[in-house]
PDB file of N, CA and C in Angstrom:
ATOM      1  N   UNK A   1     136.887 113.210  84.818  1.00  0.00           N
ATOM      2  CA  UNK A   1     137.388 112.069  84.089  1.00  0.00           C
ATOM      3  C   UNK A   1     138.895 112.013  84.277  1.00  0.00           C
ATOM      4  N   UNK A   2     139.375 110.889  84.704  1.00  0.00           N
ATOM      5  CA  UNK A   2     140.784 110.735  84.974  1.00  0.00           C
ATOM      6  C   UNK A   2     141.575 110.319  83.749  1.00  0.00           C
ATOM      7  N   UNK A   3     142.885 110.334  83.862  1.00  0.00           N
ATOM      8  CA  UNK A   3     143.783 109.967  82.773  1.00  0.00           C
ATOM      9  C   UNK A   3     143.564 108.526  82.342  1.00  0.00           C
ATOM     10  N   UNK A   4     143.435 107.617  83.320  1.00  0.00           N
ATOM     11  CA  UNK A   4     143.236 106.202  83.019  1.00  0.00           C
ATOM     12  C   UNK A   4     141.887 105.972  82.326  1.00  0.00           C
ATOM     13  N   UNK A   5     140.867 106.712  82.745  1.00  0.00           N
ATOM     14  CA  UNK A   5     139.559 106.597  82.095  1.00  0.00           C
ATOM     15  C   UNK A   5     139.655 106.989  80.624  1.00  0.00           C
ATOM     16  N   UNK A   6     140.432 108.014  80.329  1.00  0.00           N
ATOM     17  CA  UNK A   6     140.613 108.451  78.952  1.00  0.00           C
ATOM     18  C   UNK A   6     141.331 107.408  78.112  1.00  0.00           C
ATOM     19  N   UNK A   7     142.344 106.753  78.693  1.00  0.00           N
ATOM     20  CA  UNK A   7     143.088 105.720  77.974  1.00  0.00           C
ATOM     21  C   UNK A   7     142.225 104.487  77.708  1.00  0.00           C
ATOM     22  N   UNK A   8     141.394 104.138  78.669  1.00  0.00           N
ATOM     23  CA  UNK A   8     140.570 102.944  78.525  1.00  0.00           C
ATOM     24  C   UNK A   8     139.261 103.219  77.791  1.00  0.00           C
ATOM     25  N   UNK A   9     139.022 104.455  77.444  1.00  0.00           N
ATOM     26  CA  UNK A   9     137.827 104.797  76.680  1.00  0.00           C
ATOM     27  C   UNK A   9     136.563 104.885  77.513  1.00  0.00           C
ATOM     28  N   UNK A  10     136.717 105.021  78.828  1.00  0.00           N
ATOM     29  CA  UNK A  10     135.546 105.151  79.689  1.00  0.00           C
ATOM     30  C   UNK A  10     135.013 106.567  79.601  1.00  0.00           C
ATOM     31  N   UNK A  11     133.714 106.666  79.584  1.00  0.00           N
ATOM     32  CA  UNK A  11     133.089 107.976  79.545  1.00  0.00           C
ATOM     33  C   UNK A  11     132.567 108.329  80.927  1.00  0.00           C
ATOM     34  N   UNK A  12     132.600 109.609  81.234  1.00  0.00           N
ATOM     35  CA  UNK A  12     132.095 110.088  82.505  1.00  0.00           C
ATOM     36  C   UNK A  12     130.577 109.998  82.504  1.00  0.00           C
ATOM     37  N   UNK A  13     130.010 109.515  83.610  1.00  0.00           N
ATOM     38  CA  UNK A  13     128.554 109.401  83.713  1.00  0.00           C
ATOM     39  C   UNK A  13     127.942 110.794  83.731  1.00  0.00           C
ATOM     40  N   UNK A  14     126.882 110.964  82.960  1.00  0.00           N
ATOM     41  CA  UNK A  14     126.190 112.239  82.944  1.00  0.00           C
ATOM     42  C   UNK A  14     125.131 112.238  84.028  1.00  0.00           C
ATOM     43  N   UNK A  15     125.138 113.289  84.819  1.00  0.00           N
ATOM     44  CA  UNK A  15     124.133 113.462  85.849  1.00  0.00           C
ATOM     45  C   UNK A  15     123.236 114.616  85.455  1.00  0.00           C
ATOM     46  N   UNK A  16     122.145 114.764  86.177  1.00  0.00           N
ATOM     47  CA  UNK A  16     121.226 115.857  85.901  1.00  0.00           C
ATOM     48  C   UNK A  16     121.914 117.203  86.101  1.00  0.00           C
ATOM     49  N   UNK A  17     122.830 117.279  87.056  1.00  0.00           N
ATOM     50  CA  UNK A  17     123.533 118.523  87.326  1.00  0.00           C
ATOM     51  C   UNK A  17     124.474 118.913  86.185  1.00  0.00           C
ATOM     52  N   UNK A  18     124.948 117.951  85.414  1.00  0.00           N
ATOM     53  CA  UNK A  18     125.879 118.276  84.334  1.00  0.00           C
ATOM     54  C   UNK A  18     125.173 118.569  83.007  1.00  0.00           C
ATOM     55  N   UNK A  19     123.878 118.310  82.923  1.00  0.00           N
ATOM     56  CA  UNK A  19     123.147 118.611  81.692  1.00  0.00           C
ATOM     57  C   UNK A  19     122.901 120.107  81.572  1.00  0.00           C
ATOM     58  N   UNK A  20     122.725 120.544  80.332  1.00  0.00           N
ATOM     59  CA  UNK A  20     122.499 121.962  80.097  1.00  0.00           C
ATOM     60  C   UNK A  20     121.013 122.247  79.921  1.00  0.00           C
ATOM     61  N   UNK A  21     120.572 123.360  80.496  1.00  0.00           N
ATOM     62  CA  UNK A  21     119.191 123.814  80.407  1.00  0.00           C
ATOM     63  C   UNK A  21     119.192 125.269  79.972  1.00  0.00           C
ATOM     64  N   UNK A  22     118.019 125.768  79.601  1.00  0.00           N
ATOM     65  CA  UNK A  22     117.897 127.182  79.247  1.00  0.00           C
ATOM     66  C   UNK A  22     117.375 127.938  80.452  1.00  0.00           C
ATOM     67  N   UNK A  23     117.969 129.082  80.712  1.00  0.00           N
ATOM     68  CA  UNK A  23     117.512 129.944  81.793  1.00  0.00           C
ATOM     69  C   UNK A  23     116.140 130.504  81.409  1.00  0.00           C
ATOM     70  N   UNK A  24     115.113 130.310  82.256  1.00  0.00           N
ATOM     71  CA  UNK A  24     113.797 130.834  81.919  1.00  0.00           C
ATOM     72  C   UNK A  24     113.736 132.359  81.946  1.00  0.00           C
ATOM     73  N   UNK A  25     114.732 132.983  82.548  1.00  0.00           N
ATOM     74  CA  UNK A  25     114.751 134.436  82.642  1.00  0.00           C
ATOM     75  C   UNK A  25     115.361 135.088  81.396  1.00  0.00           C
ATOM     76  N   UNK A  26     116.540 134.587  80.955  1.00  0.00           N
ATOM     77  CA  UNK A  26     117.229 135.232  79.825  1.00  0.00           C
ATOM     78  C   UNK A  26     117.407 134.322  78.613  1.00  0.00           C
ATOM     79  N   UNK A  27     117.199 133.010  78.767  1.00  0.00           N
ATOM     80  CA  UNK A  27     117.318 132.088  77.648  1.00  0.00           C
ATOM     81  C   UNK A  27     118.708 131.539  77.397  1.00  0.00           C
ATOM     82  N   UNK A  28     119.693 131.965  78.159  1.00  0.00           N
ATOM     83  CA  UNK A  28     121.062 131.459  77.995  1.00  0.00           C
ATOM     84  C   UNK A  28     121.196 130.060  78.589  1.00  0.00           C
ATOM     85  N   UNK A  29     122.243 129.355  78.224  1.00  0.00           N
ATOM     86  CA  UNK A  29     122.487 128.001  78.708  1.00  0.00           C
ATOM     87  C   UNK A  29     123.007 128.040  80.140  1.00  0.00           C
ATOM     88  N   UNK A  30     122.395 127.200  81.010  1.00  0.00           N
ATOM     89  CA  UNK A  30     122.826 127.090  82.405  1.00  0.00           C
ATOM     90  C   UNK A  30     122.917 125.620  82.779  1.00  0.00           C
ATOM     91  N   UNK A  31     123.615 125.330  83.870  1.00  0.00           N
ATOM     92  CA  UNK A  31     123.695 123.979  84.425  1.00  0.00           C
ATOM     93  C   UNK A  31     123.170 124.031  85.851  1.00  0.00           C
ATOM     94  N   UNK A  32     122.574 122.925  86.308  1.00  0.00           N
ATOM     95  CA  UNK A  32     121.953 122.901  87.622  1.00  0.00           C
ATOM     96  C   UNK A  32     122.953 122.970  88.771  1.00  0.00           C
ATOM     97  N   UNK A  33     124.220 122.629  88.521  1.00  0.00           N
ATOM     98  CA  UNK A  33     125.202 122.694  89.598  1.00  0.00           C
ATOM     99  C   UNK A  33     125.814 124.094  89.754  1.00  0.00           C
ATOM    100  N   UNK A  34     125.405 125.047  88.930  1.00  0.00           N
ATOM    101  CA  UNK A  34     125.829 126.434  89.088  1.00  0.00           C
ATOM    102  C   UNK A  34     124.971 127.078  90.171  1.00  0.00           C
ATOM    103  N   UNK A  35     125.506 128.100  90.817  1.00  0.00           N
ATOM    104  CA  UNK A  35     124.712 128.821  91.804  1.00  0.00           C
ATOM    105  C   UNK A  35     123.829 129.862  91.126  1.00  0.00           C
ATOM    106  N   UNK A  36     124.375 130.552  90.118  1.00  0.00           N
ATOM    107  CA  UNK A  36     123.633 131.602  89.416  1.00  0.00           C
ATOM    108  C   UNK A  36     123.826 131.486  87.912  1.00  0.00           C
ATOM    109  N   UNK A  37     122.890 132.058  87.160  1.00  0.00           N
ATOM    110  CA  UNK A  37     123.030 132.152  85.709  1.00  0.00           C
ATOM    111  C   UNK A  37     124.164 133.136  85.427  1.00  0.00           C
ATOM    112  N   UNK A  38     125.100 132.757  84.566  1.00  0.00           N
ATOM    113  CA  UNK A  38     126.251 133.611  84.277  1.00  0.00           C
ATOM    114  C   UNK A  38     125.863 134.848  83.474  1.00  0.00           C
ATOM    115  N   UNK A  39     124.713 134.819  82.837  1.00  0.00           N
ATOM    116  CA  UNK A  39     124.291 135.945  82.017  1.00  0.00           C
ATOM    117  C   UNK A  39     123.475 136.977  82.803  1.00  0.00           C
ATOM    118  N   UNK A  40     122.408 136.525  83.473  1.00  0.00           N
ATOM    119  CA  UNK A  40     121.522 137.486  84.141  1.00  0.00           C
ATOM    120  C   UNK A  40     121.654 137.502  85.661  1.00  0.00           C
ATOM    121  N   UNK A  41     122.319 136.499  86.248  1.00  0.00           N
ATOM    122  CA  UNK A  41     122.562 136.494  87.694  1.00  0.00           C
ATOM    123  C   UNK A  41     121.452 135.907  88.548  1.00  0.00           C
ATOM    124  N   UNK A  42     120.403 135.390  87.935  1.00  0.00           N
ATOM    125  CA  UNK A  42     119.311 134.801  88.708  1.00  0.00           C
ATOM    126  C   UNK A  42     119.788 133.492  89.334  1.00  0.00           C
ATOM    127  N   UNK A  43     119.374 133.244  90.602  1.00  0.00           N
ATOM    128  CA  UNK A  43     119.768 132.014  91.288  1.00  0.00           C
ATOM    129  C   UNK A  43     119.125 130.803  90.616  1.00  0.00           C
ATOM    130  N   UNK A  44     119.905 129.764  90.365  1.00  0.00           N
ATOM    131  CA  UNK A  44     119.436 128.556  89.692  1.00  0.00           C
ATOM    132  C   UNK A  44     118.365 127.854  90.532  1.00  0.00           C
ATOM    133  N   UNK A  45     118.560 127.798  91.865  1.00  0.00           N
ATOM    134  CA  UNK A  45     117.600 127.123  92.732  1.00  0.00           C
ATOM    135  C   UNK A  45     116.230 127.783  92.683  1.00  0.00           C
ATOM    136  N   UNK A  46     116.186 129.078  92.413  1.00  0.00           N
ATOM    137  CA  UNK A  46     114.888 129.755  92.349  1.00  0.00           C
ATOM    138  C   UNK A  46     114.200 129.527  91.004  1.00  0.00           C
ATOM    139  N   UNK A  47     114.960 129.104  89.979  1.00  0.00           N
ATOM    140  CA  UNK A  47     114.383 128.900  88.646  1.00  0.00           C
ATOM    141  C   UNK A  47     113.808 127.504  88.476  1.00  0.00           C
ATOM    142  N   UNK A  48     114.494 126.500  88.988  1.00  0.00           N
ATOM    143  CA  UNK A  48     114.094 125.117  88.781  1.00  0.00           C
ATOM    144  C   UNK A  48     113.621 124.515  90.102  1.00  0.00           C
ATOM    145  N   UNK A  49     112.498 123.860  90.075  1.00  0.00           N
ATOM    146  CA  UNK A  49     111.915 123.263  91.273  1.00  0.00           C
ATOM    147  C   UNK A  49     111.432 121.850  90.942  1.00  0.00           C
ATOM    148  N   UNK A  50     111.203 121.054  92.005  1.00  0.00           N
ATOM    149  CA  UNK A  50     110.632 119.723  91.798  1.00  0.00           C
ATOM    150  C   UNK A  50     109.290 119.647  92.512  1.00  0.00           C
ATOM    151  N   UNK A  51     108.361 118.923  91.865  1.00  0.00           N
ATOM    152  CA  UNK A  51     106.995 118.819  92.369  1.00  0.00           C
ATOM    153  C   UNK A  51     106.844 117.576  93.232  1.00  0.00           C
ATOM    154  N   UNK A  52     106.221 117.745  94.383  1.00  0.00           N
ATOM    155  CA  UNK A  52     105.934 116.621  95.277  1.00  0.00           C
ATOM    156  C   UNK A  52     104.852 115.756  94.641  1.00  0.00           C
ATOM    157  N   UNK A  53     105.084 114.437  94.515  1.00  0.00           N
ATOM    158  CA  UNK A  53     104.068 113.569  93.909  1.00  0.00           C
ATOM    159  C   UNK A  53     102.842 113.375  94.797  1.00  0.00           C
ATOM    160  N   UNK A  54     102.959 113.685  96.068  1.00  0.00           N
ATOM    161  CA  UNK A  54     101.859 113.481  97.002  1.00  0.00           C
ATOM    162  C   UNK A  54     100.908 114.687  97.061  1.00  0.00           C
ATOM    163  N   UNK A  55     101.470 115.904  97.274  1.00  0.00           N
ATOM    164  CA  UNK A  55     100.612 117.083  97.449  1.00  0.00           C
ATOM    165  C   UNK A  55     100.748 118.104  96.324  1.00  0.00           C
ATOM    166  N   UNK A  56     101.635 117.851  95.360  1.00  0.00           N
ATOM    167  CA  UNK A  56     101.854 118.706  94.178  1.00  0.00           C
ATOM    168  C   UNK A  56     102.472 120.068  94.498  1.00  0.00           C
ATOM    169  N   UNK A  57     103.061 120.231  95.682  1.00  0.00           N
ATOM    170  CA  UNK A  57     103.731 121.469  96.050  1.00  0.00           C
ATOM    171  C   UNK A  57     105.094 121.537  95.375  1.00  0.00           C
ATOM    172  N   UNK A  58     105.464 122.711  94.885  1.00  0.00           N
ATOM    173  CA  UNK A  58     106.778 122.903  94.280  1.00  0.00           C
ATOM    174  C   UNK A  58     107.800 123.133  95.393  1.00  0.00           C
ATOM    175  N   UNK A  59     108.895 122.377  95.354  1.00  0.00           N
ATOM    176  CA  UNK A  59     109.953 122.444  96.364  1.00  0.00           C
ATOM    177  C   UNK A  59     111.265 122.852  95.725  1.00  0.00           C
ATOM    178  N   UNK A  60     112.222 123.266  96.575  1.00  0.00           N
ATOM    179  CA  UNK A  60     113.572 123.573  96.110  1.00  0.00           C
ATOM    180  C   UNK A  60     114.134 122.355  95.399  1.00  0.00           C
ATOM    181  N   UNK A  61     115.023 122.574  94.454  1.00  0.00           N
ATOM    182  CA  UNK A  61     115.591 121.500  93.654  1.00  0.00           C
ATOM    183  C   UNK A  61     116.364 120.494  94.503  1.00  0.00           C
ATOM    184  N   UNK A  62     117.018 120.955  95.558  1.00  0.00           N
ATOM    185  CA  UNK A  62     117.809 120.057  96.399  1.00  0.00           C
ATOM    186  C   UNK A  62     117.092 119.648  97.696  1.00  0.00           C
ATOM    187  N   UNK A  63     115.772 119.853  97.777  1.00  0.00           N
ATOM    188  CA  UNK A  63     115.013 119.504  98.978  1.00  0.00           C
ATOM    189  C   UNK A  63     115.011 117.993  99.183  1.00  0.00           C
ATOM    190  N   UNK A  64     115.181 117.595 100.442  1.00  0.00           N
ATOM    191  CA  UNK A  64     115.170 116.179 100.776  1.00  0.00           C
ATOM    192  C   UNK A  64     113.762 115.725 101.168  1.00  0.00           C
ATOM    193  N   UNK A  65     112.973 116.643 101.743  1.00  0.00           N
ATOM    194  CA  UNK A  65     111.581 116.355 102.086  1.00  0.00           C
ATOM    195  C   UNK A  65     110.700 117.504 101.622  1.00  0.00           C
ATOM    196  N   UNK A  66     109.428 117.211 101.376  1.00  0.00           N
ATOM    197  CA  UNK A  66     108.473 118.234 100.929  1.00  0.00           C
ATOM    198  C   UNK A  66     108.212 119.206 102.071  1.00  0.00           C
ATOM    199  N   UNK A  67     108.222 120.494 101.780  1.00  0.00           N
ATOM    200  CA  UNK A  67     108.024 121.505 102.810  1.00  0.00           C
ATOM    201  C   UNK A  67     106.587 121.557 103.319  1.00  0.00           C
ATOM    202  N   UNK A  68     105.628 121.018 102.551  1.00  0.00           N
ATOM    203  CA  UNK A  68     104.228 121.066 102.956  1.00  0.00           C
ATOM    204  C   UNK A  68     103.775 119.784 103.652  1.00  0.00           C
ATOM    205  N   UNK A  69     103.981 118.631 103.010  1.00  0.00           N
ATOM    206  CA  UNK A  69     103.433 117.380 103.557  1.00  0.00           C
ATOM    207  C   UNK A  69     104.485 116.470 104.187  1.00  0.00           C
ATOM    208  N   UNK A  70     105.771 116.777 104.021  1.00  0.00           N
ATOM    209  CA  UNK A  70     106.821 115.965 104.629  1.00  0.00           C
ATOM    210  C   UNK A  70     107.203 114.726 103.828  1.00  0.00           C
ATOM    211  N   UNK A  71     106.765 114.630 102.557  1.00  0.00           N
ATOM    212  CA  UNK A  71     107.108 113.494 101.700  1.00  0.00           C
ATOM    213  C   UNK A  71     108.622 113.402 101.562  1.00  0.00           C
ATOM    214  N   UNK A  72     109.180 112.221 101.775  1.00  0.00           N
ATOM    215  CA  UNK A  72     110.625 112.012 101.720  1.00  0.00           C
ATOM    216  C   UNK A  72     111.041 111.629 100.296  1.00  0.00           C
ATOM    217  N   UNK A  73     111.654 112.575  99.570  1.00  0.00           N
ATOM    218  CA  UNK A  73     112.076 112.326  98.193  1.00  0.00           C
ATOM    219  C   UNK A  73     113.145 111.248  98.119  1.00  0.00           C
ATOM    220  N   UNK A  74     114.102 111.261  99.048  1.00  0.00           N
ATOM    221  CA  UNK A  74     115.203 110.298  99.022  1.00  0.00           C
ATOM    222  C   UNK A  74     114.735 108.881  99.360  1.00  0.00           C
ATOM    223  N   UNK A  75     113.754 108.750 100.257  1.00  0.00           N
ATOM    224  CA  UNK A  75     113.227 107.422 100.587  1.00  0.00           C
ATOM    225  C   UNK A  75     112.524 106.815  99.378  1.00  0.00           C
ATOM    226  N   UNK A  76     111.854 107.649  98.611  1.00  0.00           N
ATOM    227  CA  UNK A  76     111.173 107.160  97.406  1.00  0.00           C
ATOM    228  C   UNK A  76     112.188 106.656  96.382  1.00  0.00           C
ATOM    229  N   UNK A  77     113.315 107.331  96.259  1.00  0.00           N
ATOM    230  CA  UNK A  77     114.370 106.909  95.328  1.00  0.00           C
ATOM    231  C   UNK A  77     114.983 105.589  95.796  1.00  0.00           C
ATOM    232  N   UNK A  78     115.242 105.468  97.096  1.00  0.00           N
ATOM    233  CA  UNK A  78     115.801 104.222  97.636  1.00  0.00           C
ATOM    234  C   UNK A  78     114.835 103.056  97.434  1.00  0.00           C
ATOM    235  N   UNK A  79     113.554 103.297  97.652  1.00  0.00           N
ATOM    236  CA  UNK A  79     112.561 102.235  97.486  1.00  0.00           C
ATOM    237  C   UNK A  79     112.448 101.808  96.027  1.00  0.00           C
ATOM    238  N   UNK A  80     112.593 102.749  95.109  1.00  0.00           N
ATOM    239  CA  UNK A  80     112.511 102.417  93.682  1.00  0.00           C
ATOM    240  C   UNK A  80     113.705 101.579  93.235  1.00  0.00           C
ATOM    241  N   UNK A  81     114.863 101.796  93.860  1.00  0.00           N
ATOM    242  CA  UNK A  81     116.069 101.047  93.495  1.00  0.00           C
ATOM    243  C   UNK A  81     116.132  99.674  94.155  1.00  0.00           C
ATOM    244  N   UNK A  82     115.345  99.474  95.209  1.00  0.00           N
ATOM    245  CA  UNK A  82     115.390  98.233  95.972  1.00  0.00           C
ATOM    246  C   UNK A  82     114.719  97.108  95.175  1.00  0.00           C
ATOM    247  N   UNK A  83     115.389  95.983  95.039  1.00  0.00           N
ATOM    248  CA  UNK A  83     114.876  94.843  94.288  1.00  0.00           C
ATOM    249  C   UNK A  83     113.987  93.999  95.189  1.00  0.00           C
ATOM    250  N   UNK A  84     112.798  93.677  94.698  1.00  0.00           N
ATOM    251  CA  UNK A  84     111.895  92.819  95.445  1.00  0.00           C
ATOM    252  C   UNK A  84     111.427  91.675  94.562  1.00  0.00           C
ATOM    253  N   UNK A  85     111.223  90.529  95.185  1.00  0.00           N
ATOM    254  CA  UNK A  85     110.699  89.356  94.501  1.00  0.00           C
ATOM    255  C   UNK A  85     109.256  89.174  94.947  1.00  0.00           C
ATOM    256  N   UNK A  86     108.392  88.757  94.016  1.00  0.00           N
ATOM    257  CA  UNK A  86     106.978  88.594  94.322  1.00  0.00           C
ATOM    258  C   UNK A  86     106.549  87.175  93.989  1.00  0.00           C
ATOM    259  N   UNK A  87     105.866  86.547  94.928  1.00  0.00           N
ATOM    260  CA  UNK A  87     105.366  85.196  94.714  1.00  0.00           C
ATOM    261  C   UNK A  87     104.264  85.243  93.659  1.00  0.00           C
ATOM    262  N   UNK A  88     104.352  84.385  92.617  1.00  0.00           N
ATOM    263  CA  UNK A  88     103.336  84.409  91.567  1.00  0.00           C
ATOM    264  C   UNK A  88     101.975  83.880  92.030  1.00  0.00           C
ATOM    265  N   UNK A  89     101.969  83.114  93.104  1.00  0.00           N
ATOM    266  CA  UNK A  89     100.699  82.540  93.572  1.00  0.00           C
ATOM    267  C   UNK A  89      99.968  83.479  94.537  1.00  0.00           C
ATOM    268  N   UNK A  90     100.628  83.893  95.615  1.00  0.00           N
ATOM    269  CA  UNK A  90      99.937  84.670  96.651  1.00  0.00           C
ATOM    270  C   UNK A  90     100.269  86.166  96.620  1.00  0.00           C
ATOM    271  N   UNK A  91     101.331  86.552  95.903  1.00  0.00           N
ATOM    272  CA  UNK A  91     101.692  87.964  95.803  1.00  0.00           C
ATOM    273  C   UNK A  91     102.566  88.470  96.934  1.00  0.00           C
ATOM    274  N   UNK A  92     103.039  87.600  97.813  1.00  0.00           N
ATOM    275  CA  UNK A  92     103.914  88.003  98.917  1.00  0.00           C
ATOM    276  C   UNK A  92     105.205  88.595  98.353  1.00  0.00           C
ATOM    277  N   UNK A  93     105.632  89.754  98.903  1.00  0.00           N
ATOM    278  CA  UNK A  93     106.848  90.414  98.434  1.00  0.00           C
ATOM    279  C   UNK A  93     108.003  90.102  99.368  1.00  0.00           C
ATOM    280  N   UNK A  94     109.151  89.721  98.765  1.00  0.00           N
ATOM    281  CA  UNK A  94     110.352  89.361  99.519  1.00  0.00           C
ATOM    282  C   UNK A  94     111.511  90.244  99.091  1.00  0.00           C
ATOM    283  N   UNK A  95     112.387  90.571 100.023  1.00  0.00           N
ATOM    284  CA  UNK A  95     113.559  91.387  99.721  1.00  0.00           C
ATOM    285  C   UNK A  95     114.706  90.558  99.156  1.00  0.00           C
ATOM    286  N   UNK A  96     114.680  89.262  99.346  1.00  0.00           N
ATOM    287  CA  UNK A  96     115.737  88.396  98.838  1.00  0.00           C
ATOM    288  C   UNK A  96     115.105  87.193  98.158  1.00  0.00           C
ATOM    289  N   UNK A  97     115.870  86.535  97.323  1.00  0.00           N
ATOM    290  CA  UNK A  97     115.363  85.356  96.619  1.00  0.00           C
ATOM    291  C   UNK A  97     115.334  84.170  97.574  1.00  0.00           C
ATOM    292  N   UNK A  98     114.235  83.455  97.593  1.00  0.00           N
ATOM    293  CA  UNK A  98     114.100  82.250  98.411  1.00  0.00           C
ATOM    294  C   UNK A  98     113.713  81.090  97.492  1.00  0.00           C
ATOM    295  N   UNK A  99     113.977  79.874  97.921  1.00  0.00           N
ATOM    296  CA  UNK A  99     113.639  78.718  97.092  1.00  0.00           C
ATOM    297  C   UNK A  99     112.150  78.407  97.130  1.00  0.00           C
ATOM    298  N   UNK A 100     111.465  78.853  98.200  1.00  0.00           N
ATOM    299  CA  UNK A 100     110.011  78.689  98.258  1.00  0.00           C
ATOM    300  C   UNK A 100     109.407  79.861  99.013  1.00  0.00           C
ATOM    301  N   UNK A 101     108.146  80.111  98.759  1.00  0.00           N
ATOM    302  CA  UNK A 101     107.432  81.217  99.392  1.00  0.00           C
ATOM    303  C   UNK A 101     107.179  80.882 100.861  1.00  0.00           C
ATOM    304  N   UNK A 102     107.514  81.763 101.808  1.00  0.00           N
ATOM    305  CA  UNK A 102     107.293  81.471 103.216  1.00  0.00           C
ATOM    306  C   UNK A 102     105.813  81.535 103.615  1.00  0.00           C
ATOM    307  N   UNK A 103     104.966  82.098 102.758  1.00  0.00           N
ATOM    308  CA  UNK A 103     103.550  82.224 103.087  1.00  0.00           C
ATOM    309  C   UNK A 103     102.742  81.046 102.565  1.00  0.00           C
ATOM    310  N   UNK A 104     102.812  80.796 101.240  1.00  0.00           N
ATOM    311  CA  UNK A 104     101.966  79.746 100.645  1.00  0.00           C
ATOM    312  C   UNK A 104     102.729  78.453 100.349  1.00  0.00           C
ATOM    313  N   UNK A 105     104.062  78.487 100.428  1.00  0.00           N
ATOM    314  CA  UNK A 105     104.859  77.279 100.256  1.00  0.00           C
ATOM    315  C   UNK A 105     105.166  76.859  98.833  1.00  0.00           C
ATOM    316  N   UNK A 106     104.761  77.643  97.828  1.00  0.00           N
ATOM    317  CA  UNK A 106     105.045  77.277  96.447  1.00  0.00           C
ATOM    318  C   UNK A 106     106.559  77.334  96.209  1.00  0.00           C
ATOM    319  N   UNK A 107     107.086  76.353  95.496  1.00  0.00           N
ATOM    320  CA  UNK A 107     108.533  76.294  95.199  1.00  0.00           C
ATOM    321  C   UNK A 107     108.823  77.063  93.937  1.00  0.00           C
ATOM    322  N   UNK A 108     109.950  77.786  93.969  1.00  0.00           N
ATOM    323  CA  UNK A 108     110.362  78.565  92.793  1.00  0.00           C
ATOM    324  C   UNK A 108     111.389  77.757  92.012  1.00  0.00           C
ATOM    325  N   UNK A 109     111.291  77.824  90.704  1.00  0.00           N
ATOM    326  CA  UNK A 109     112.070  77.037  89.790  1.00  0.00           C
ATOM    327  C   UNK A 109     113.482  77.301  89.714  1.00  0.00           C
TER     328      UNK A 109
END
């Protein structure tokens, strides 16, 4: 957080890495952006994992693709953030807003 942010009352965005969790080994407070637990020394990456939605395999916390099936975690995040428009008549999906559907020709209001 910068000086100007403090003056203007802006708050720093909280990310998953800045949140506090309990170490499953010793119970002390840890953060995901640490390399090791400050109390017991266990590696953070070995404690917390993410599950692949496709094959249910547990992967490293910072994995970009699933080690078993190759599922792309980052592509799924990009696709979820991408805005799509859907024609109410035929269901055609568009990446941008159009005045009429290119498939069925219905005009949008």
